[in-house]
Amino acid sequence: MIADAILGSAVAVLLVAYWSFCRSAALKLQSRVVPLIEEFYADDSASEQEKDSIHWSYAASRIWIFMPLMALASPAVLAMAILSKSGGKVASEVSSRSAEHNEIMDCLVKMYIVRNPLTSMLCMFVVFSAIAILAPIGLLLDRLKSIPNPMTVYRVIAATLSSRDSRKAHAH
């Protein structure tokens, strides 16, 4: 009985220490990305769509459920990219983003992964499984070049979310 209480207490302390370590490591990355975002917002050459994408990506990367929702959406996004004729266009549009935008997105994804490592591992497994299943289909349909990588899927979903609000705001 006492051994169980000691073991339970030790596991609880280890769990809190693990959680604290993950949060403090993510806080270091967050303190690195915030000046990059401020500098990006101050840049007049950055498009409003890129700024909205960064805004929504930052907000979403601070919520743990975002990556699981993206992982669940990734098979549908990948299938649509394979089956539609515009899949290559979306991938090239996302790859034409500025280097600063890509660096910020990279930091945001790293921040999420460091903050939620177990959730990230499961989500990456789902995304890579979807790619492994859909890549042969894309190869058979000769559309393999339109299959985006996981970072592109993340960016497409973030860009879609950010453009949705701007379309709604400008509807007359």
Protein backbone atom coordinates (compact mmCIF):
# COMPACT_ATOMS: atom_id res chain seq x y z
CA MET A 1 0.00 0.00 0.00
CA ILE A 2 2.73 2.47 0.95
CA ALA A 3 4.86 1.28 -1.99
CA ASP A 4 1.97 2.05 -4.35
CA ALA A 5 1.59 5.54 -2.86
CA ILE A 6 5.32 6.19 -3.24
CA LEU A 7 5.33 4.87 -6.80
CA GLY A 8 2.24 6.91 -7.67
CA SER A 9 3.79 10.03 -6.17
CA ALA A 10 7.03 9.46 -8.07
CA VAL A 11 5.15 9.01 -11.35
CA ALA A 12 3.11 12.17 -10.66
CA VAL A 13 6.29 14.15 -9.96
CA LEU A 14 7.88 12.81 -13.16
CA LEU A 15 4.78 13.73 -15.15
CA VAL A 16 4.76 17.28 -13.80
CA ALA A 17 8.51 17.58 -14.45
CA TYR A 18 8.02 16.35 -18.04
CA TRP A 19 5.16 18.81 -18.59
CA SER A 20 7.22 21.65 -17.09
CA PHE A 21 10.23 20.79 -19.25
CA CYS A 22 8.11 20.76 -22.43
CA ARG A 23 6.45 24.08 -21.59
CA SER A 24 9.72 25.83 -20.72
CA ALA A 25 11.37 24.60 -23.93
CA ALA A 26 8.37 25.82 -25.94
CA LEU A 27 8.53 29.17 -24.14
CA LYS A 28 12.12 29.62 -25.36
CA LEU A 29 11.00 28.99 -28.93
CA GLN A 30 8.04 31.33 -28.46
CA SER A 31 10.32 34.11 -27.25
CA ARG A 32 12.40 33.54 -30.39
CA VAL A 33 9.43 33.63 -32.79
CA VAL A 34 7.65 36.71 -31.39
CA PRO A 35 10.34 39.20 -32.55
CA LEU A 36 10.32 37.51 -35.96
CA ILE A 37 6.56 37.98 -36.18
CA GLU A 38 6.79 41.63 -35.10
CA GLU A 39 9.48 42.25 -37.70
CA PHE A 40 7.38 40.48 -40.34
CA TYR A 41 4.32 42.61 -39.51
CA ALA A 42 6.43 45.77 -39.75
CA ASP A 43 7.64 44.78 -43.23
CA ASP A 44 5.58 46.59 -45.88
CA SER A 45 6.57 44.15 -48.63
CA ALA A 46 4.76 41.24 -46.93
CA SER A 47 1.29 40.57 -48.28
CA GLU A 48 -1.82 40.71 -46.12
CA GLN A 49 -2.49 37.05 -46.87
CA GLU A 50 0.93 36.09 -45.48
CA LYS A 51 0.34 38.27 -42.40
CA ASP A 52 -3.07 36.66 -41.83
CA SER A 53 -1.52 33.23 -42.29
CA ILE A 54 1.12 34.01 -39.65
CA HIS A 55 -1.51 35.40 -37.28
CA TRP A 56 -3.77 32.35 -37.48
CA SER A 57 -0.85 29.94 -37.39
CA TYR A 58 0.51 31.55 -34.23
CA ALA A 59 -2.89 31.48 -32.56
CA ALA A 60 -3.48 27.87 -33.60
CA SER A 61 -0.03 26.65 -32.58
CA ARG A 62 -0.80 27.65 -29.00
CA ILE A 63 -3.83 25.31 -28.85
CA TRP A 64 -3.08 21.61 -28.47
CA ILE A 65 -6.10 20.39 -30.49
CA PHE A 66 -4.96 22.13 -33.70
CA MET A 67 -2.47 19.47 -34.80
CA PRO A 68 -4.88 16.56 -34.21
CA LEU A 69 -7.53 18.37 -36.25
CA MET A 70 -5.02 18.96 -39.03
CA ALA A 71 -3.96 15.32 -38.92
CA LEU A 72 -7.59 14.26 -39.30
CA ALA A 73 -8.05 16.67 -42.20
CA SER A 74 -4.81 15.73 -43.95
CA PRO A 75 -6.11 12.60 -45.77
CA ALA A 76 -8.93 14.65 -47.31
CA VAL A 77 -6.57 17.50 -48.23
CA LEU A 78 -4.09 15.06 -49.76
CA ALA A 79 -6.81 13.23 -51.70
CA MET A 80 -8.19 16.50 -53.04
CA ALA A 81 -4.68 17.58 -54.06
CA ILE A 82 -4.17 14.33 -55.94
CA LEU A 83 -7.55 14.28 -57.64
CA SER A 84 -7.84 17.96 -58.48
CA LYS A 85 -5.88 19.51 -61.28
CA SER A 86 -4.87 22.44 -59.09
CA GLY A 87 -2.84 20.44 -56.56
CA GLY A 88 0.46 21.44 -58.12
CA LYS A 89 -0.70 25.06 -58.24
CA VAL A 90 -1.43 25.09 -54.51
CA ALA A 91 1.95 23.55 -53.70
CA SER A 92 3.77 26.08 -55.91
CA GLU A 93 1.75 28.96 -54.44
CA VAL A 94 2.70 27.93 -50.93
CA SER A 95 6.35 27.40 -51.87
CA SER A 96 6.54 30.93 -53.31
CA ARG A 97 6.12 32.44 -49.85
CA SER A 98 8.88 34.64 -48.51
CA ALA A 99 11.81 33.21 -46.59
CA GLU A 100 10.75 35.11 -43.47
CA HIS A 101 7.27 33.60 -43.67
CA ASN A 102 8.73 30.11 -44.02
CA GLU A 103 11.10 30.69 -41.09
CA ILE A 104 8.25 31.85 -38.85
CA MET A 105 6.08 28.88 -39.86
CA ASP A 106 8.99 26.55 -39.15
CA CYS A 107 9.45 28.07 -35.69
CA LEU A 108 5.72 27.79 -34.99
CA VAL A 109 5.65 24.11 -35.90
CA LYS A 110 8.75 23.48 -33.78
CA MET A 111 7.11 25.34 -30.91
CA TYR A 112 4.02 23.13 -31.14
CA ILE A 113 6.07 19.94 -31.39
CA VAL A 114 8.21 20.84 -28.39
CA ARG A 115 5.17 21.87 -26.38
CA ASN A 116 3.12 18.75 -27.23
CA PRO A 117 5.59 16.02 -28.22
CA LEU A 118 3.32 13.01 -27.71
CA THR A 119 0.39 14.52 -29.59
CA SER A 120 2.76 15.60 -32.37
CA MET A 121 4.17 12.10 -32.75
CA LEU A 122 0.70 10.60 -33.13
CA CYS A 123 -0.37 13.31 -35.56
CA MET A 124 2.73 12.92 -37.70
CA PHE A 125 2.06 9.18 -37.78
CA VAL A 126 -1.44 9.84 -39.14
CA VAL A 127 -0.14 12.31 -41.74
CA PHE A 128 2.68 10.03 -42.90
CA SER A 129 0.28 7.08 -43.02
CA ALA A 130 -2.03 9.09 -45.25
CA ILE A 131 0.90 9.96 -47.49
CA ALA A 132 2.00 6.31 -47.59
CA ILE A 133 -1.49 5.22 -48.62
CA LEU A 134 -2.18 8.02 -51.09
CA ALA A 135 1.28 8.25 -52.71
CA PRO A 136 0.83 5.03 -54.75
CA ILE A 137 -2.57 6.27 -55.89
CA GLY A 138 -0.97 9.55 -56.96
CA LEU A 139 1.75 7.61 -58.74
CA LEU A 140 -0.83 5.54 -60.59
CA LEU A 141 -2.73 8.66 -61.58
CA ASP A 142 0.52 10.38 -62.56
CA ARG A 143 -0.19 13.15 -60.06
CA LEU A 144 2.58 12.39 -57.58
CA LYS A 145 4.11 15.84 -58.00
CA SER A 146 0.92 17.37 -56.63
CA ILE A 147 1.15 15.51 -53.30
CA PRO A 148 2.18 18.12 -50.74
CA ASN A 149 4.46 17.40 -47.81
CA PRO A 150 3.11 17.72 -44.23
CA MET A 151 4.38 21.29 -43.88
CA THR A 152 2.56 22.26 -47.08
CA VAL A 153 -0.63 20.67 -45.73
CA TYR A 154 -0.22 22.75 -42.56
CA ARG A 155 0.35 25.94 -44.57
CA VAL A 156 -2.60 25.29 -46.91
CA ILE A 157 -4.96 24.77 -43.98
CA ALA A 158 -3.62 27.88 -42.21
CA ALA A 159 -3.93 29.94 -45.41
CA THR A 160 -7.48 28.67 -45.95
CA LEU A 161 -8.47 29.61 -42.41
CA SER A 162 -6.91 33.05 -42.72
CA SER A 163 -8.44 33.81 -46.13
CA ARG A 164 -11.90 32.69 -44.99
CA ASP A 165 -12.18 35.60 -42.54
CA SER A 166 -10.94 38.15 -45.07
CA ARG A 167 -13.43 36.91 -47.68
CA LYS A 168 -16.25 37.20 -45.16
CA ALA A 169 -15.16 40.71 -44.11
CA HIS A 170 -15.02 42.00 -47.69
CA ALA A 171 -18.27 40.49 -48.93
CA HIS A 172 -20.59 43.26 -50.08
